[in-house]
Structure formats: C-alpha cells, structure tokens
Amino acid sequence: MEGLSTSELLALLEIISDCTQCATIGRFLEIAAAVGDMLQAGNIVFLSSKFDFSSTPASIHEINVSYPVQWVDMYRAANYV
C-alpha cells in the first residue's frame, strides 16, 4: 500500500481547512471540485441529511456537482439513494 506524498497531504489539509470555513454553495462547489481532482473522480453528488430521534431522515439536501441532470432524475424517479 502506498502512502500519500507531502504535496497530497498538504492538499488534503487545505481541503479540510476550507471545509471548516465554507459559507456559500459556490465555495462548496470549489471544494468539491478539489476533492474530485484529488480522488480522480469523474462525477460527484453530495448528500447531507438531518436525522430526527427515530433515526429517520428529517431532511435531505442534495448538491449535484458534476453528474448529468438526466442521470440524477433517473435515480430520483427510481427512488435510489
């Protein structure tokens, strides 16, 4: 197993730091793009949810960073997560 290089570790720390100060969707999308570049991921969707006391999602917020809209619509129509 290969470890992270010094430059990769620094980039990861910068992303973590940016996450703690993220205040806008625009900035979030910039951070998501940096994560995608680091992971060499082609498409990214983020979901965040807030659970109530019965562990059922009270709300789910989706941010589609780079998936085609038709693909996301198909997943929603099939009720996929």
C-alpha atoms as a PDB file:
ATOM      1  CA  MET A   1       0.000   0.000   0.000  1.00  0.00           C
ATOM      2  CA  GLU A   2       1.341   3.371  -0.991  1.00  0.00           C
ATOM      3  CA  GLY A   3       1.082   6.396   1.306  1.00  0.00           C
ATOM      4  CA  LEU A   4       0.279   9.974   0.407  1.00  0.00           C
ATOM      5  CA  SER A   5       3.028  12.290  -0.746  1.00  0.00           C
ATOM      6  CA  THR A   6       3.829  15.503   1.091  1.00  0.00           C
ATOM      7  CA  SER A   7       2.033  17.553  -1.573  1.00  0.00           C
ATOM      8  CA  GLU A   8      -1.037  15.293  -1.375  1.00  0.00           C
ATOM      9  CA  LEU A   9      -1.113  15.610   2.416  1.00  0.00           C
ATOM     10  CA  LEU A  10      -0.843  19.396   2.173  1.00  0.00           C
ATOM     11  CA  ALA A  11      -3.664  19.495  -0.384  1.00  0.00           C
ATOM     12  CA  LEU A  12      -5.807  17.318   1.905  1.00  0.00           C
ATOM     13  CA  LEU A  13      -5.135  19.591   4.891  1.00  0.00           C
ATOM     14  CA  GLU A  14      -6.051  22.614   2.776  1.00  0.00           C
ATOM     15  CA  ILE A  15      -9.352  20.967   1.780  1.00  0.00           C
ATOM     16  CA  ILE A  16     -10.110  20.157   5.437  1.00  0.00           C
ATOM     17  CA  SER A  17      -9.341  23.736   6.428  1.00  0.00           C
ATOM     18  CA  ASP A  18     -11.512  25.071   3.597  1.00  0.00           C
ATOM     19  CA  CYS A  19     -14.412  22.879   4.787  1.00  0.00           C
ATOM     20  CA  THR A  20     -14.318  24.470   8.230  1.00  0.00           C
ATOM     21  CA  GLN A  21     -14.732  27.932   6.680  1.00  0.00           C
ATOM     22  CA  CYS A  22     -17.149  27.144   3.853  1.00  0.00           C
ATOM     23  CA  ALA A  23     -20.080  29.577   3.907  1.00  0.00           C
ATOM     24  CA  THR A  24     -21.536  29.502   0.377  1.00  0.00           C
ATOM     25  CA  ILE A  25     -22.682  26.923  -2.164  1.00  0.00           C
ATOM     26  CA  GLY A  26     -20.206  28.407  -4.646  1.00  0.00           C
ATOM     27  CA  ARG A  27     -17.304  27.814  -2.283  1.00  0.00           C
ATOM     28  CA  PHE A  28     -18.628  24.332  -1.527  1.00  0.00           C
ATOM     29  CA  LEU A  29     -18.602  23.523  -5.253  1.00  0.00           C
ATOM     30  CA  GLU A  30     -14.983  24.701  -5.476  1.00  0.00           C
ATOM     31  CA  ILE A  31     -14.042  22.435  -2.560  1.00  0.00           C
ATOM     32  CA  ALA A  32     -15.967  19.542  -4.114  1.00  0.00           C
ATOM     33  CA  ALA A  33     -14.068  20.013  -7.365  1.00  0.00           C
ATOM     34  CA  ALA A  34     -10.773  19.895  -5.432  1.00  0.00           C
ATOM     35  CA  VAL A  35     -11.890  16.666  -3.749  1.00  0.00           C
ATOM     36  CA  GLY A  36     -12.879  15.238  -7.137  1.00  0.00           C
ATOM     37  CA  ASP A  37      -9.485  16.146  -8.571  1.00  0.00           C
ATOM     38  CA  MET A  38      -7.703  14.569  -5.618  1.00  0.00           C
ATOM     39  CA  LEU A  39      -9.742  11.354  -5.884  1.00  0.00           C
ATOM     40  CA  GLN A  40      -9.642  11.427  -9.686  1.00  0.00           C
ATOM     41  CA  ALA A  41     -13.435  11.083  -9.641  1.00  0.00           C
ATOM     42  CA  GLY A  42     -15.430  11.816 -12.757  1.00  0.00           C
ATOM     43  CA  ASN A  43     -18.776  12.583 -11.116  1.00  0.00           C
ATOM     44  CA  ILE A  44     -19.726  13.749  -7.628  1.00  0.00           C
ATOM     45  CA  VAL A  45     -23.004  14.155  -5.758  1.00  0.00           C
ATOM     46  CA  PHE A  46     -23.112  15.164  -2.100  1.00  0.00           C
ATOM     47  CA  LEU A  47     -25.983  14.354   0.211  1.00  0.00           C
ATOM     48  CA  SER A  48     -26.410  15.654   3.694  1.00  0.00           C
ATOM     49  CA  SER A  49     -29.218  14.652   5.968  1.00  0.00           C
ATOM     50  CA  LYS A  50     -30.575  15.613   9.321  1.00  0.00           C
ATOM     51  CA  PHE A  51     -31.965  12.774  11.405  1.00  0.00           C
ATOM     52  CA  ASP A  52     -34.688  13.036  13.988  1.00  0.00           C
ATOM     53  CA  PHE A  53     -34.688  10.941  17.145  1.00  0.00           C
ATOM     54  CA  SER A  54     -36.162   7.882  15.423  1.00  0.00           C
ATOM     55  CA  SER A  55     -33.168   7.770  13.041  1.00  0.00           C
ATOM     56  CA  THR A  56     -35.382   8.608  10.082  1.00  0.00           C
ATOM     57  CA  PRO A  57     -34.072  11.368   7.832  1.00  0.00           C
ATOM     58  CA  ALA A  58     -35.995  14.528   8.677  1.00  0.00           C
ATOM     59  CA  SER A  59     -34.471  16.300   5.682  1.00  0.00           C
ATOM     60  CA  ILE A  60     -32.043  15.502   2.908  1.00  0.00           C
ATOM     61  CA  HIS A  61     -30.146  18.108   0.915  1.00  0.00           C
ATOM     62  CA  GLU A  62     -28.551  17.121  -2.378  1.00  0.00           C
ATOM     63  CA  ILE A  63     -25.872  19.029  -4.244  1.00  0.00           C
ATOM     64  CA  ASN A  64     -25.157  17.699  -7.731  1.00  0.00           C
ATOM     65  CA  VAL A  65     -21.604  18.726  -8.521  1.00  0.00           C
ATOM     66  CA  SER A  66     -20.979  17.022 -11.847  1.00  0.00           C
ATOM     67  CA  TYR A  67     -23.492  14.252 -12.699  1.00  0.00           C
ATOM     68  CA  PRO A  68     -25.663  14.724 -15.796  1.00  0.00           C
ATOM     69  CA  VAL A  69     -29.122  16.014 -14.812  1.00  0.00           C
ATOM     70  CA  GLN A  70     -30.792  13.124 -16.688  1.00  0.00           C
ATOM     71  CA  TRP A  71     -28.862  10.602 -14.581  1.00  0.00           C
ATOM     72  CA  VAL A  72     -29.906  12.284 -11.320  1.00  0.00           C
ATOM     73  CA  ASP A  73     -33.531  12.467 -12.498  1.00  0.00           C
ATOM     74  CA  MET A  74     -33.456   8.728 -13.287  1.00  0.00           C
ATOM     75  CA  TYR A  75     -32.127   7.950  -9.784  1.00  0.00           C
ATOM     76  CA  ARG A  76     -34.802  10.127  -8.177  1.00  0.00           C
ATOM     77  CA  ALA A  77     -37.580   8.505 -10.266  1.00  0.00           C
ATOM     78  CA  ALA A  78     -36.382   5.032  -9.190  1.00  0.00           C
ATOM     79  CA  ASN A  79     -36.103   6.241  -5.558  1.00  0.00           C
ATOM     80  CA  TYR A  80     -32.406   5.306  -5.400  1.00  0.00           C
ATOM     81  CA  VAL A  81     -30.068   6.749  -2.801  1.00  0.00           C
END
